[in-house]
Amino acid sequence: MIKQSVRVVNSTGLHARPAATLAKIVKKYESSLTLINNGKEIHIKGMMSILGAGVKGNSTIDLTCDGQDEQAFMTELKTAFAEGFGEAC
């Protein structure tokens, strides 16, 4: 299990476009992903759970990856968050 804090650099948070990108990343890996936002723990399985997390822009959240490919999963997640999911931040 790997836990990491990441900053959401997108000024509008995890809205539809970044959520769709994150959902694609999640589907690539066997490991599970849990997002913790303001003390609320959400098990991420797809786009709806991401949107339901209500992650605001310029906030810090905790991610937990658990499974066989957790290291590669976390590496890709950290890169995606740092790059703002390819959007102008």
PDB file of N, CA and C in Angstrom:
ATOM      1  N   MET A   1       0.851  -1.175   0.000  1.00  0.00           N
ATOM      2  CA  MET A   1       0.000   0.000   0.000  1.00  0.00           C
ATOM      3  C   MET A   1       0.899   1.241   0.000  1.00  0.00           C
ATOM      4  N   ILE A   2       0.578   2.180  -0.884  1.00  0.00           N
ATOM      5  CA  ILE A   2       1.321   3.435  -0.981  1.00  0.00           C
ATOM      6  C   ILE A   2       0.350   4.587  -0.775  1.00  0.00           C
ATOM      7  N   LYS A   3       0.719   5.519   0.090  1.00  0.00           N
ATOM      8  CA  LYS A   3      -0.105   6.707   0.326  1.00  0.00           C
ATOM      9  C   LYS A   3       0.718   7.936  -0.024  1.00  0.00           C
ATOM     10  N   GLN A   4       0.095   8.874  -0.737  1.00  0.00           N
ATOM     11  CA  GLN A   4       0.792  10.075  -1.188  1.00  0.00           C
ATOM     12  C   GLN A   4      -0.177  11.259  -1.192  1.00  0.00           C
ATOM     13  N   SER A   5       0.302  12.412  -0.749  1.00  0.00           N
ATOM     14  CA  SER A   5      -0.480  13.647  -0.865  1.00  0.00           C
ATOM     15  C   SER A   5      -0.136  14.294  -2.194  1.00  0.00           C
ATOM     16  N   VAL A   6      -1.151  14.755  -2.906  1.00  0.00           N
ATOM     17  CA  VAL A   6      -0.940  15.440  -4.183  1.00  0.00           C
ATOM     18  C   VAL A   6      -1.744  16.733  -4.198  1.00  0.00           C
ATOM     19  N   ARG A   7      -1.261  17.682  -4.959  1.00  0.00           N
ATOM     20  CA  ARG A   7      -1.955  18.962  -5.104  1.00  0.00           C
ATOM     21  C   ARG A   7      -2.732  18.948  -6.410  1.00  0.00           C
ATOM     22  N   VAL A   8      -3.956  19.399  -6.358  1.00  0.00           N
ATOM     23  CA  VAL A   8      -4.792  19.517  -7.554  1.00  0.00           C
ATOM     24  C   VAL A   8      -4.499  20.892  -8.141  1.00  0.00           C
ATOM     25  N   VAL A   9      -3.688  20.932  -9.194  1.00  0.00           N
ATOM     26  CA  VAL A   9      -3.259  22.211  -9.753  1.00  0.00           C
ATOM     27  C   VAL A   9      -4.307  22.829 -10.670  1.00  0.00           C
ATOM     28  N   ASN A  10      -5.285  22.039 -11.098  1.00  0.00           N
ATOM     29  CA  ASN A  10      -6.361  22.573 -11.930  1.00  0.00           C
ATOM     30  C   ASN A  10      -7.183  23.559 -11.106  1.00  0.00           C
ATOM     31  N   SER A  11      -7.343  24.770 -11.597  1.00  0.00           N
ATOM     32  CA  SER A  11      -8.063  25.795 -10.833  1.00  0.00           C
ATOM     33  C   SER A  11      -9.536  25.445 -10.633  1.00  0.00           C
ATOM     34  N   THR A  12     -10.085  24.616 -11.514  1.00  0.00           N
ATOM     35  CA  THR A  12     -11.496  24.244 -11.406  1.00  0.00           C
ATOM     36  C   THR A  12     -11.690  22.875 -10.759  1.00  0.00           C
ATOM     37  N   GLY A  13     -10.622  22.273 -10.272  1.00  0.00           N
ATOM     38  CA  GLY A  13     -10.728  20.990  -9.588  1.00  0.00           C
ATOM     39  C   GLY A  13     -10.879  19.822 -10.545  1.00  0.00           C
ATOM     40  N   LEU A  14     -11.390  18.718 -10.019  1.00  0.00           N
ATOM     41  CA  LEU A  14     -11.567  17.514 -10.837  1.00  0.00           C
ATOM     42  C   LEU A  14     -12.954  17.519 -11.467  1.00  0.00           C
ATOM     43  N   HIS A  15     -13.117  18.367 -12.482  1.00  0.00           N
ATOM     44  CA  HIS A  15     -14.377  18.422 -13.233  1.00  0.00           C
ATOM     45  C   HIS A  15     -14.341  17.355 -14.328  1.00  0.00           C
ATOM     46  N   ALA A  16     -15.234  17.407 -15.279  1.00  0.00           N
ATOM     47  CA  ALA A  16     -15.435  16.326 -16.249  1.00  0.00           C
ATOM     48  C   ALA A  16     -14.177  15.899 -17.007  1.00  0.00           C
ATOM     49  N   ARG A  17     -13.434  16.838 -17.596  1.00  0.00           N
ATOM     50  CA  ARG A  17     -12.271  16.440 -18.404  1.00  0.00           C
ATOM     51  C   ARG A  17     -11.177  15.772 -17.575  1.00  0.00           C
ATOM     52  N   PRO A  18     -10.720  16.388 -16.472  1.00  0.00           N
ATOM     53  CA  PRO A  18      -9.705  15.686 -15.688  1.00  0.00           C
ATOM     54  C   PRO A  18     -10.229  14.392 -15.063  1.00  0.00           C
ATOM     55  N   ALA A  19     -11.511  14.365 -14.713  1.00  0.00           N
ATOM     56  CA  ALA A  19     -12.093  13.142 -14.145  1.00  0.00           C
ATOM     57  C   ALA A  19     -12.081  12.015 -15.176  1.00  0.00           C
ATOM     58  N   ALA A  20     -12.367  12.344 -16.430  1.00  0.00           N
ATOM     59  CA  ALA A  20     -12.341  11.335 -17.493  1.00  0.00           C
ATOM     60  C   ALA A  20     -10.923  10.804 -17.695  1.00  0.00           C
ATOM     61  N   THR A  21      -9.945  11.700 -17.654  1.00  0.00           N
ATOM     62  CA  THR A  21      -8.546  11.285 -17.790  1.00  0.00           C
ATOM     63  C   THR A  21      -8.138  10.400 -16.618  1.00  0.00           C
ATOM     64  N   LEU A  22      -8.513  10.789 -15.414  1.00  0.00           N
ATOM     65  CA  LEU A  22      -8.194   9.999 -14.228  1.00  0.00           C
ATOM     66  C   LEU A  22      -8.868   8.627 -14.296  1.00  0.00           C
ATOM     67  N   ALA A  23     -10.100   8.578 -14.759  1.00  0.00           N
ATOM     68  CA  ALA A  23     -10.818   7.302 -14.880  1.00  0.00           C
ATOM     69  C   ALA A  23     -10.101   6.362 -15.849  1.00  0.00           C
ATOM     70  N   LYS A  24      -9.547   6.908 -16.938  1.00  0.00           N
ATOM     71  CA  LYS A  24      -8.790   6.087 -17.897  1.00  0.00           C
ATOM     72  C   LYS A  24      -7.543   5.506 -17.242  1.00  0.00           C
ATOM     73  N   ILE A  25      -6.881   6.309 -16.421  1.00  0.00           N
ATOM     74  CA  ILE A  25      -5.689   5.825 -15.718  1.00  0.00           C
ATOM     75  C   ILE A  25      -6.077   4.703 -14.759  1.00  0.00           C
ATOM     76  N   VAL A  26      -7.151   4.903 -14.010  1.00  0.00           N
ATOM     77  CA  VAL A  26      -7.602   3.908 -13.027  1.00  0.00           C
ATOM     78  C   VAL A  26      -7.871   2.563 -13.699  1.00  0.00           C
ATOM     79  N   LYS A  27      -8.476   2.580 -14.878  1.00  0.00           N
ATOM     80  CA  LYS A  27      -8.843   1.343 -15.570  1.00  0.00           C
ATOM     81  C   LYS A  27      -7.627   0.557 -16.066  1.00  0.00           C
ATOM     82  N   LYS A  28      -6.474   1.225 -16.187  1.00  0.00           N
ATOM     83  CA  LYS A  28      -5.263   0.564 -16.686  1.00  0.00           C
ATOM     84  C   LYS A  28      -4.605  -0.343 -15.650  1.00  0.00           C
ATOM     85  N   TYR A  29      -4.930  -0.167 -14.382  1.00  0.00           N
ATOM     86  CA  TYR A  29      -4.208  -0.855 -13.316  1.00  0.00           C
ATOM     87  C   TYR A  29      -5.101  -1.805 -12.534  1.00  0.00           C
ATOM     88  N   GLU A  30      -4.470  -2.849 -11.997  1.00  0.00           N
ATOM     89  CA  GLU A  30      -5.159  -3.827 -11.153  1.00  0.00           C
ATOM     90  C   GLU A  30      -5.382  -3.284  -9.741  1.00  0.00           C
ATOM     91  N   SER A  31      -4.461  -2.445  -9.274  1.00  0.00           N
ATOM     92  CA  SER A  31      -4.516  -1.922  -7.903  1.00  0.00           C
ATOM     93  C   SER A  31      -5.749  -1.059  -7.692  1.00  0.00           C
ATOM     94  N   SER A  32      -6.175  -0.986  -6.438  1.00  0.00           N
ATOM     95  CA  SER A  32      -7.305  -0.124  -6.088  1.00  0.00           C
ATOM     96  C   SER A  32      -6.793   1.275  -5.753  1.00  0.00           C
ATOM     97  N   LEU A  33      -7.668   2.257  -5.917  1.00  0.00           N
ATOM     98  CA  LEU A  33      -7.335   3.645  -5.610  1.00  0.00           C
ATOM     99  C   LEU A  33      -8.374   4.203  -4.651  1.00  0.00           C
ATOM    100  N   THR A  34      -7.878   4.791  -3.569  1.00  0.00           N
ATOM    101  CA  THR A  34      -8.734   5.489  -2.621  1.00  0.00           C
ATOM    102  C   THR A  34      -8.279   6.935  -2.569  1.00  0.00           C
ATOM    103  N   LEU A  35      -9.235   7.848  -2.648  1.00  0.00           N
ATOM    104  CA  LEU A  35      -8.970   9.286  -2.598  1.00  0.00           C
ATOM    105  C   LEU A  35      -9.543   9.810  -1.287  1.00  0.00           C
ATOM    106  N   ILE A  36      -8.768  10.602  -0.571  1.00  0.00           N
ATOM    107  CA  ILE A  36      -9.251  11.198   0.674  1.00  0.00           C
ATOM    108  C   ILE A  36      -9.270  12.709   0.494  1.00  0.00           C
ATOM    109  N   ASN A  37     -10.473  13.280   0.559  1.00  0.00           N
ATOM    110  CA  ASN A  37     -10.685  14.708   0.354  1.00  0.00           C
ATOM    111  C   ASN A  37     -11.448  15.253   1.558  1.00  0.00           C
ATOM    112  N   ASN A  38     -10.829  16.163   2.292  1.00  0.00           N
ATOM    113  CA  ASN A  38     -11.452  16.748   3.490  1.00  0.00           C
ATOM    114  C   ASN A  38     -11.938  15.684   4.473  1.00  0.00           C
ATOM    115  N   GLY A  39     -11.137  14.646   4.662  1.00  0.00           N
ATOM    116  CA  GLY A  39     -11.484  13.589   5.601  1.00  0.00           C
ATOM    117  C   GLY A  39     -12.454  12.552   5.071  1.00  0.00           C
ATOM    118  N   LYS A  40     -12.980  12.761   3.866  1.00  0.00           N
ATOM    119  CA  LYS A  40     -13.934  11.833   3.264  1.00  0.00           C
ATOM    120  C   LYS A  40     -13.174  10.860   2.363  1.00  0.00           C
ATOM    121  N   GLU A  41     -13.335   9.571   2.616  1.00  0.00           N
ATOM    122  CA  GLU A  41     -12.635   8.528   1.872  1.00  0.00           C
ATOM    123  C   GLU A  41     -13.533   7.997   0.761  1.00  0.00           C
ATOM    124  N   ILE A  42     -13.031   8.057  -0.476  1.00  0.00           N
ATOM    125  CA  ILE A  42     -13.806   7.615  -1.633  1.00  0.00           C
ATOM    126  C   ILE A  42     -13.004   6.567  -2.384  1.00  0.00           C
ATOM    127  N   HIS A  43     -13.613   5.407  -2.632  1.00  0.00           N
ATOM    128  CA  HIS A  43     -12.974   4.361  -3.427  1.00  0.00           C
ATOM    129  C   HIS A  43     -13.264   4.676  -4.894  1.00  0.00           C
ATOM    130  N   ILE A  44     -12.216   4.945  -5.645  1.00  0.00           N
ATOM    131  CA  ILE A  44     -12.360   5.389  -7.026  1.00  0.00           C
ATOM    132  C   ILE A  44     -12.437   4.181  -7.952  1.00  0.00           C
ATOM    133  N   LYS A  45     -13.550   4.105  -8.679  1.00  0.00           N
ATOM    134  CA  LYS A  45     -13.747   3.014  -9.630  1.00  0.00           C
ATOM    135  C   LYS A  45     -14.014   3.535 -11.036  1.00  0.00           C
ATOM    136  N   GLY A  46     -14.466   4.769 -11.141  1.00  0.00           N
ATOM    137  CA  GLY A  46     -14.783   5.333 -12.442  1.00  0.00           C
ATOM    138  C   GLY A  46     -15.068   6.816 -12.317  1.00  0.00           C
ATOM    139  N   MET A  47     -15.523   7.388 -13.399  1.00  0.00           N
ATOM    140  CA  MET A  47     -15.716   8.834 -13.479  1.00  0.00           C
ATOM    141  C   MET A  47     -16.725   9.361 -12.457  1.00  0.00           C
ATOM    142  N   MET A  48     -17.804   8.639 -12.220  1.00  0.00           N
ATOM    143  CA  MET A  48     -18.831   9.136 -11.305  1.00  0.00           C
ATOM    144  C   MET A  48     -18.311   9.244  -9.869  1.00  0.00           C
ATOM    145  N   SER A  49     -17.501   8.280  -9.449  1.00  0.00           N
ATOM    146  CA  SER A  49     -16.951   8.363  -8.090  1.00  0.00           C
ATOM    147  C   SER A  49     -15.956   9.514  -7.977  1.00  0.00           C
ATOM    148  N   ILE A  50     -15.260   9.819  -9.070  1.00  0.00           N
ATOM    149  CA  ILE A  50     -14.320  10.948  -9.072  1.00  0.00           C
ATOM    150  C   ILE A  50     -15.092  12.260  -8.958  1.00  0.00           C
ATOM    151  N   LEU A  51     -16.117  12.420  -9.783  1.00  0.00           N
ATOM    152  CA  LEU A  51     -16.923  13.644  -9.738  1.00  0.00           C
ATOM    153  C   LEU A  51     -17.618  13.786  -8.385  1.00  0.00           C
ATOM    154  N   GLY A  52     -18.063  12.674  -7.830  1.00  0.00           N
ATOM    155  CA  GLY A  52     -18.743  12.685  -6.543  1.00  0.00           C
ATOM    156  C   GLY A  52     -17.844  13.057  -5.374  1.00  0.00           C
ATOM    157  N   ALA A  53     -16.537  12.985  -5.580  1.00  0.00           N
ATOM    158  CA  ALA A  53     -15.593  13.326  -4.508  1.00  0.00           C
ATOM    159  C   ALA A  53     -15.565  14.824  -4.234  1.00  0.00           C
ATOM    160  N   GLY A  54     -15.996  15.632  -5.200  1.00  0.00           N
ATOM    161  CA  GLY A  54     -16.076  17.080  -5.007  1.00  0.00           C
ATOM    162  C   GLY A  54     -14.737  17.751  -4.752  1.00  0.00           C
ATOM    163  N   VAL A  55     -13.722  17.337  -5.490  1.00  0.00           N
ATOM    164  CA  VAL A  55     -12.379  17.890  -5.281  1.00  0.00           C
ATOM    165  C   VAL A  55     -12.277  19.269  -5.927  1.00  0.00           C
ATOM    166  N   LYS A  56     -11.963  20.252  -5.115  1.00  0.00           N
ATOM    167  CA  LYS A  56     -11.841  21.647  -5.564  1.00  0.00           C
ATOM    168  C   LYS A  56     -10.444  21.910  -6.121  1.00  0.00           C
ATOM    169  N   GLY A  57     -10.341  22.941  -6.926  1.00  0.00           N
ATOM    170  CA  GLY A  57      -9.055  23.341  -7.480  1.00  0.00           C
ATOM    171  C   GLY A  57      -8.114  23.867  -6.420  1.00  0.00           C
ATOM    172  N   ASN A  58      -6.832  23.730  -6.688  1.00  0.00           N
ATOM    173  CA  ASN A  58      -5.769  24.213  -5.801  1.00  0.00           C
ATOM    174  C   ASN A  58      -5.869  23.645  -4.392  1.00  0.00           C
ATOM    175  N   SER A  59      -6.367  22.423  -4.273  1.00  0.00           N
ATOM    176  CA  SER A  59      -6.455  21.765  -2.968  1.00  0.00           C
ATOM    177  C   SER A  59      -5.449  20.618  -2.911  1.00  0.00           C
ATOM    178  N   THR A  60      -5.265  20.079  -1.730  1.00  0.00           N
ATOM    179  CA  THR A  60      -4.390  18.925  -1.548  1.00  0.00           C
ATOM    180  C   THR A  60      -5.242  17.753  -1.086  1.00  0.00           C
ATOM    181  N   ILE A  61      -5.040  16.615  -1.733  1.00  0.00           N
ATOM    182  CA  ILE A  61      -5.776  15.401  -1.390  1.00  0.00           C
ATOM    183  C   ILE A  61      -4.774  14.279  -1.131  1.00  0.00           C
ATOM    184  N   ASP A  62      -5.237  13.217  -0.514  1.00  0.00           N
ATOM    185  CA  ASP A  62      -4.408  12.030  -0.300  1.00  0.00           C
ATOM    186  C   ASP A  62      -4.894  10.924  -1.221  1.00  0.00           C
ATOM    187  N   LEU A  63      -3.945  10.218  -1.825  1.00  0.00           N
ATOM    188  CA  LEU A  63      -4.242   9.072  -2.669  1.00  0.00           C
ATOM    189  C   LEU A  63      -3.612   7.838  -2.041  1.00  0.00           C
ATOM    190  N   THR A  64      -4.330   6.729  -2.078  1.00  0.00           N
ATOM    191  CA  THR A  64      -3.785   5.458  -1.615  1.00  0.00           C
ATOM    192  C   THR A  64      -3.975   4.423  -2.711  1.00  0.00           C
ATOM    193  N   CYS A  65      -2.874   3.827  -3.149  1.00  0.00           N
ATOM    194  CA  CYS A  65      -2.907   2.738  -4.121  1.00  0.00           C
ATOM    195  C   CYS A  65      -2.564   1.452  -3.388  1.00  0.00           C
ATOM    196  N   ASP A  66      -3.296   0.392  -3.693  1.00  0.00           N
ATOM    197  CA  ASP A  66      -3.046  -0.881  -3.031  1.00  0.00           C
ATOM    198  C   ASP A  66      -3.205  -2.011  -4.036  1.00  0.00           C
ATOM    199  N   GLY A  67      -2.126  -2.756  -4.254  1.00  0.00           N
ATOM    200  CA  GLY A  67      -2.172  -3.887  -5.170  1.00  0.00           C
ATOM    201  C   GLY A  67      -0.819  -4.167  -5.786  1.00  0.00           C
ATOM    202  N   GLN A  68      -0.805  -5.127  -6.699  1.00  0.00           N
ATOM    203  CA  GLN A  68       0.440  -5.579  -7.316  1.00  0.00           C
ATOM    204  C   GLN A  68       1.182  -4.489  -8.078  1.00  0.00           C
ATOM    205  N   ASP A  69       0.467  -3.646  -8.790  1.00  0.00           N
ATOM    206  CA  ASP A  69       1.111  -2.631  -9.629  1.00  0.00           C
ATOM    207  C   ASP A  69       1.003  -1.235  -9.014  1.00  0.00           C
ATOM    208  N   GLU A  70       0.931  -1.165  -7.687  1.00  0.00           N
ATOM    209  CA  GLU A  70       0.709   0.102  -6.989  1.00  0.00           C
ATOM    210  C   GLU A  70       1.792   1.143  -7.259  1.00  0.00           C
ATOM    211  N   GLN A  71       3.045   0.722  -7.397  1.00  0.00           N
ATOM    212  CA  GLN A  71       4.134   1.681  -7.604  1.00  0.00           C
ATOM    213  C   GLN A  71       3.988   2.396  -8.949  1.00  0.00           C
ATOM    214  N   ALA A  72       3.770   1.635 -10.016  1.00  0.00           N
ATOM    215  CA  ALA A  72       3.587   2.230 -11.343  1.00  0.00           C
ATOM    216  C   ALA A  72       2.325   3.090 -11.376  1.00  0.00           C
ATOM    217  N   PHE A  73       1.278   2.629 -10.727  1.00  0.00           N
ATOM    218  CA  PHE A  73       0.009   3.353 -10.652  1.00  0.00           C
ATOM    219  C   PHE A  73       0.220   4.712  -9.987  1.00  0.00           C
ATOM    220  N   MET A  74       0.869   4.724  -8.827  1.00  0.00           N
ATOM    221  CA  MET A  74       1.094   5.976  -8.103  1.00  0.00           C
ATOM    222  C   MET A  74       1.984   6.924  -8.898  1.00  0.00           C
ATOM    223  N   THR A  75       2.982   6.376  -9.576  1.00  0.00           N
ATOM    224  CA  THR A  75       3.865   7.211 -10.392  1.00  0.00           C
ATOM    225  C   THR A  75       3.071   7.919 -11.485  1.00  0.00           C
ATOM    226  N   GLU A  76       2.204   7.183 -12.171  1.00  0.00           N
ATOM    227  CA  GLU A  76       1.391   7.800 -13.227  1.00  0.00           C
ATOM    228  C   GLU A  76       0.403   8.811 -12.651  1.00  0.00           C
ATOM    229  N   LEU A  77      -0.177   8.507 -11.507  1.00  0.00           N
ATOM    230  CA  LEU A  77      -1.112   9.440 -10.873  1.00  0.00           C
ATOM    231  C   LEU A  77      -0.421  10.747 -10.490  1.00  0.00           C
ATOM    232  N   LYS A  78       0.748  10.653  -9.865  1.00  0.00           N
ATOM    233  CA  LYS A  78       1.472  11.859  -9.453  1.00  0.00           C
ATOM    234  C   LYS A  78       1.823  12.721 -10.661  1.00  0.00           C
ATOM    235  N   THR A  79       2.229  12.092 -11.755  1.00  0.00           N
ATOM    236  CA  THR A  79       2.546  12.832 -12.977  1.00  0.00           C
ATOM    237  C   THR A  79       1.305  13.523 -13.526  1.00  0.00           C
ATOM    238  N   ALA A  80       0.192  12.805 -13.589  1.00  0.00           N
ATOM    239  CA  ALA A  80      -1.054  13.373 -14.117  1.00  0.00           C
ATOM    240  C   ALA A  80      -1.512  14.564 -13.285  1.00  0.00           C
ATOM    241  N   PHE A  81      -1.463  14.438 -11.959  1.00  0.00           N
ATOM    242  CA  PHE A  81      -1.862  15.552 -11.097  1.00  0.00           C
ATOM    243  C   PHE A  81      -0.911  16.731 -11.262  1.00  0.00           C
ATOM    244  N   ALA A  82       0.389  16.481 -11.319  1.00  0.00           N
ATOM    245  CA  ALA A  82       1.383  17.555 -11.453  1.00  0.00           C
ATOM    246  C   ALA A  82       1.222  18.302 -12.768  1.00  0.00           C
ATOM    247  N   GLU A  83       0.808  17.586 -13.818  1.00  0.00           N
ATOM    248  CA  GLU A  83       0.635  18.198 -15.141  1.00  0.00           C
ATOM    249  C   GLU A  83      -0.775  18.736 -15.351  1.00  0.00           C
ATOM    250  N   GLY A  84      -1.612  18.704 -14.337  1.00  0.00           N
ATOM    251  CA  GLY A  84      -2.972  19.224 -14.458  1.00  0.00           C
ATOM    252  C   GLY A  84      -3.824  18.456 -15.440  1.00  0.00           C
ATOM    253  N   PHE A  85      -3.519  17.167 -15.618  1.00  0.00           N
ATOM    254  CA  PHE A  85      -4.262  16.307 -16.540  1.00  0.00           C
ATOM    255  C   PHE A  85      -4.267  16.861 -17.964  1.00  0.00           C
ATOM    256  N   GLY A  86      -3.187  17.561 -18.322  1.00  0.00           N
ATOM    257  CA  GLY A  86      -3.041  18.067 -19.679  1.00  0.00           C
ATOM    258  C   GLY A  86      -3.809  19.339 -19.966  1.00  0.00           C
ATOM    259  N   GLU A  87      -4.399  19.944 -18.950  1.00  0.00           N
ATOM    260  CA  GLU A  87      -5.145  21.190 -19.132  1.00  0.00           C
ATOM    261  C   GLU A  87      -4.289  22.384 -18.743  1.00  0.00           C
ATOM    262  N   ALA A  88      -4.617  23.526 -19.306  1.00  0.00           N
ATOM    263  CA  ALA A  88      -3.990  24.771 -18.854  1.00  0.00           C
ATOM    264  C   ALA A  88      -4.541  25.065 -17.468  1.00  0.00           C
ATOM    265  N   CYS A  89      -3.663  25.252 -16.532  1.00  0.00           N
ATOM    266  CA  CYS A  89      -4.094  25.455 -15.143  1.00  0.00           C
ATOM    267  C   CYS A  89      -4.206  26.915 -14.898  1.00  0.00           C
TER     268      CYS A  89
END
